[in-house]
Amino acid sequence: MLGDGGPWIWGIVALYFPWATEIVDLYHAREHLADLSKVVYGPASAEAKQWAAARSQQLDDDVEAVITSMKRLRPRKDHVREEVRKAIDYFQTNKERMRYAKYRSEGLFVGSGVVEAGCKTVIGLRLKQSGMRWTVTHANALIALRCCQLSGRWEEFWEQCSVG
């Protein structure tokens, strides 16, 4: 299950998919690093870009190293210290969901881009054409049919419908 790290997502996963592997979307994790670097070093500074790039590279292999790097930051301003604390908490809380090298070695996706592209292809191309309006019920029915067609289960679907 790919998510952005929001606690509510993991609550749903635990409730309905307790067997699922939970992964924080790599893009979101990197976004947190980029945002923190801008707060610490300044939004347009070369230091911010360098720090974020180095942490992003570390994140591919070792989330603990990223957390250690954040703990080494010594900001003087209270609001910056608070942002560093929040970032450390986020990464500490989600570190088991950020084992990207392990997940890749298992053949798992670590980013949601593939899922988003699939949604755009399967759903967007069919439901978002000019002038179309859908109720949730009818859109869900059409999505189910579209998924059956694109996954090669069209005949199987209709056989099940005829059985009952």
Protein backbone atom coordinates (compact mmCIF):
# COMPACT_ATOMS: atom_id res chain seq x y z
CA MET A 1 0.00 0.00 0.00
CA LEU A 2 1.48 3.29 -1.10
CA GLY A 3 0.59 6.38 0.91
CA ASP A 4 1.86 9.84 1.71
CA GLY A 5 2.52 9.03 5.37
CA GLY A 6 -0.73 10.38 6.77
CA PRO A 7 -1.72 8.42 9.90
CA TRP A 8 -5.32 8.05 8.70
CA ILE A 9 -4.11 6.07 5.66
CA TRP A 10 -2.29 3.52 7.80
CA GLY A 11 -5.35 3.18 10.03
CA ILE A 12 -7.44 2.18 7.03
CA VAL A 13 -4.74 -0.18 5.84
CA ALA A 14 -4.52 -1.83 9.27
CA LEU A 15 -8.29 -2.23 9.40
CA TYR A 16 -8.96 -3.56 5.90
CA PHE A 17 -5.59 -4.83 4.65
CA PRO A 18 -3.59 -5.96 7.70
CA TRP A 19 -1.37 -8.18 5.52
CA ALA A 20 -0.35 -5.32 3.21
CA THR A 21 3.17 -3.97 2.93
CA GLU A 22 2.99 -0.27 3.81
CA ILE A 23 5.22 2.07 1.80
CA VAL A 24 5.48 5.85 2.02
CA ASP A 25 5.46 7.20 -1.51
CA LEU A 26 9.09 8.12 -2.29
CA TYR A 27 8.08 11.39 -3.93
CA HIS A 28 6.29 12.51 -0.75
CA ALA A 29 9.26 11.59 1.43
CA ARG A 30 11.59 13.54 -0.85
CA GLU A 31 9.16 16.44 -0.83
CA HIS A 32 9.43 16.52 2.98
CA LEU A 33 13.22 16.69 2.68
CA ALA A 34 13.06 19.50 0.11
CA ASP A 35 10.60 21.48 2.23
CA LEU A 36 12.78 21.08 5.33
CA SER A 37 15.92 22.15 3.48
CA LYS A 38 14.20 25.37 2.37
CA VAL A 39 13.14 26.18 5.93
CA VAL A 40 16.60 25.47 7.34
CA TYR A 41 18.80 27.03 4.62
CA GLY A 42 16.49 29.40 2.76
CA PRO A 43 14.17 28.73 -0.15
CA ALA A 44 16.52 29.66 -2.99
CA SER A 45 19.87 28.75 -1.47
CA ALA A 46 22.38 26.37 -3.02
CA GLU A 47 22.85 24.80 0.42
CA ALA A 48 19.16 23.86 0.53
CA LYS A 49 19.38 22.15 -2.86
CA GLN A 50 22.60 20.34 -1.94
CA TRP A 51 21.28 19.16 1.44
CA ALA A 52 17.99 17.93 -0.04
CA ALA A 53 19.76 16.14 -2.90
CA ALA A 54 22.19 14.42 -0.53
CA ARG A 55 19.37 13.33 1.82
CA SER A 56 17.26 12.12 -1.10
CA GLN A 57 20.13 9.95 -2.26
CA GLN A 58 20.63 8.63 1.30
CA LEU A 59 16.93 7.85 1.52
CA ASP A 60 17.21 5.35 -1.32
CA ASP A 61 19.35 3.12 0.91
CA ASP A 62 19.26 4.17 4.55
CA VAL A 63 16.44 6.10 6.22
CA GLU A 64 18.30 6.03 9.56
CA ALA A 65 21.13 8.02 7.97
CA VAL A 66 18.59 10.63 6.89
CA ILE A 67 17.20 10.86 10.42
CA THR A 68 20.73 11.18 11.82
CA SER A 69 21.46 13.99 9.34
CA MET A 70 18.33 15.82 10.47
CA LYS A 71 19.31 15.41 14.13
CA ARG A 72 22.66 17.08 13.35
CA LEU A 73 20.91 20.25 12.21
CA ARG A 74 21.26 23.03 14.77
CA PRO A 75 18.89 25.81 13.76
CA ARG A 76 18.80 28.92 15.93
CA LYS A 77 15.25 30.03 15.31
CA ASP A 78 12.43 28.42 17.28
CA HIS A 79 10.12 27.92 14.30
CA VAL A 80 12.92 26.24 12.33
CA ARG A 81 13.74 23.95 15.28
CA GLU A 82 10.05 23.02 15.39
CA GLU A 83 10.03 22.15 11.68
CA VAL A 84 13.13 20.00 12.13
CA ARG A 85 11.45 18.22 15.05
CA LYS A 86 8.32 17.58 12.94
CA ALA A 87 10.41 16.20 10.08
CA ILE A 88 12.34 13.90 12.41
CA ASP A 89 9.05 12.66 13.88
CA TYR A 90 7.62 12.03 10.40
CA PHE A 91 10.65 10.03 9.28
CA GLN A 92 11.00 8.21 12.60
CA THR A 93 7.32 7.24 12.59
CA ASN A 94 7.47 6.04 8.98
CA LYS A 95 10.99 4.60 8.80
CA GLU A 96 9.75 1.01 8.40
CA ARG A 97 7.66 2.25 5.47
CA MET A 98 10.75 3.86 3.89
CA ARG A 99 12.94 0.80 3.30
CA TYR A 100 13.12 1.63 -0.41
CA ALA A 101 16.10 -0.56 -1.31
CA LYS A 102 14.39 -3.56 0.32
CA TYR A 103 11.08 -2.87 -1.42
CA ARG A 104 12.76 -2.47 -4.80
CA SER A 105 14.65 -5.74 -4.29
CA GLU A 106 11.25 -7.39 -3.71
CA GLY A 107 9.95 -5.96 -6.98
CA LEU A 108 7.59 -3.49 -5.29
CA PHE A 109 6.88 0.03 -6.47
CA VAL A 110 8.02 2.81 -4.17
CA GLY A 111 6.26 5.62 -5.99
CA SER A 112 2.65 6.19 -6.87
CA GLY A 113 3.35 7.42 -10.40
CA VAL A 114 2.53 4.05 -11.94
CA VAL A 115 -0.78 3.89 -10.08
CA GLU A 116 -1.65 7.46 -11.01
CA ALA A 117 -0.83 6.79 -14.66
CA GLY A 118 -2.97 3.65 -14.54
CA CYS A 119 -5.89 5.60 -13.12
CA LYS A 120 -5.49 8.22 -15.81
CA THR A 121 -5.38 5.56 -18.53
CA VAL A 122 -8.10 3.26 -17.26
CA ILE A 123 -10.49 5.78 -15.76
CA GLY A 124 -9.63 9.24 -16.98
CA LEU A 125 -9.64 8.40 -20.67
CA ARG A 126 -13.11 6.88 -20.38
CA LEU A 127 -14.88 9.05 -17.82
CA LYS A 128 -13.46 12.50 -18.50
CA GLN A 129 -14.40 13.04 -22.09
CA SER A 130 -16.00 16.24 -23.24
CA GLY A 131 -19.52 16.79 -21.91
CA MET A 132 -19.65 13.68 -19.76
CA ARG A 133 -21.34 13.77 -16.37
CA TRP A 134 -21.47 10.79 -14.02
CA THR A 135 -23.10 9.82 -10.78
CA VAL A 136 -20.84 7.87 -8.43
CA THR A 137 -22.93 4.70 -8.88
CA HIS A 138 -22.80 4.82 -12.67
CA ALA A 139 -19.12 5.78 -12.74
CA ASN A 140 -18.27 2.85 -10.45
CA ALA A 141 -20.19 0.46 -12.70
CA LEU A 142 -18.42 1.73 -15.80
CA ILE A 143 -15.02 1.55 -14.06
CA ALA A 144 -15.69 -2.10 -13.18
CA LEU A 145 -16.54 -2.87 -16.80
CA ARG A 146 -13.51 -0.99 -18.07
CA CYS A 147 -11.21 -2.89 -15.69
CA CYS A 148 -12.70 -6.20 -16.84
CA GLN A 149 -12.14 -5.29 -20.46
CA LEU A 150 -8.57 -4.06 -20.03
CA SER A 151 -7.54 -6.97 -17.80
CA GLY A 152 -8.84 -9.57 -20.24
CA ARG A 153 -11.64 -10.77 -17.95
CA TRP A 154 -14.58 -9.54 -20.02
CA GLU A 155 -16.01 -12.98 -20.79
CA GLU A 156 -15.44 -14.20 -17.21
CA PHE A 157 -17.35 -11.18 -15.89
CA TRP A 158 -20.38 -11.85 -18.09
CA GLU A 159 -20.34 -15.57 -17.27
CA GLN A 160 -20.52 -14.72 -13.57
CA CYS A 161 -23.35 -12.29 -14.20
CA SER A 162 -25.39 -14.91 -16.00
CA VAL A 163 -24.87 -17.46 -13.20
CA GLY A 164 -26.21 -15.19 -10.61
